[in-house]
Amino acid sequence: MRSLPVYPPRQSAPDTGLGILLLTSKGPVHVKKS
């Protein structure tokens, strides 16, 4: 599993292709595409 680059929280969430990676105050949260 490759490490994903870190994005500032103010930027739009990067699309990893498998879903959206959201950075929250508690840490990164990966949201699967519906």
Protein backbone atom coordinates (compact mmCIF):
# COMPACT_ATOMS: atom_id res chain seq x y z
CA MET A 1 0.00 0.00 0.00
CA ARG A 2 1.55 3.23 -1.14
CA SER A 3 1.49 6.31 1.06
CA LEU A 4 -0.73 9.13 -0.11
CA PRO A 5 0.51 12.72 -0.21
CA VAL A 6 -0.76 15.00 2.55
CA TYR A 7 -3.08 17.81 1.53
CA PRO A 8 -3.99 20.92 3.53
CA PRO A 9 -7.51 20.58 5.01
CA ARG A 10 -8.64 23.71 3.15
CA GLN A 11 -7.95 22.14 -0.24
CA SER A 12 -10.50 20.00 -2.00
CA ALA A 13 -10.20 16.35 -1.11
CA PRO A 14 -8.03 14.38 -3.56
CA ASP A 15 -9.71 11.67 -5.59
CA THR A 16 -7.73 8.44 -5.21
CA GLY A 17 -9.78 6.67 -7.85
CA LEU A 18 -11.17 4.27 -5.28
CA GLY A 19 -12.82 6.99 -3.27
CA ILE A 20 -12.30 10.35 -1.63
CA LEU A 21 -9.73 10.90 1.10
CA LEU A 22 -10.96 13.47 3.60
CA LEU A 23 -8.61 15.01 6.15
CA THR A 24 -10.35 15.73 9.44
CA SER A 25 -9.19 16.94 12.84
CA LYS A 26 -9.21 13.31 13.99
CA GLY A 27 -7.15 12.17 11.02
CA PRO A 28 -7.60 11.10 7.40
CA VAL A 29 -10.89 9.46 6.53
CA HIS A 30 -11.34 7.45 3.34
CA VAL A 31 -14.83 7.61 1.85
CA LYS A 32 -15.70 4.96 -0.73
CA LYS A 33 -17.48 5.97 -3.91
CA SER A 34 -21.14 5.01 -3.95
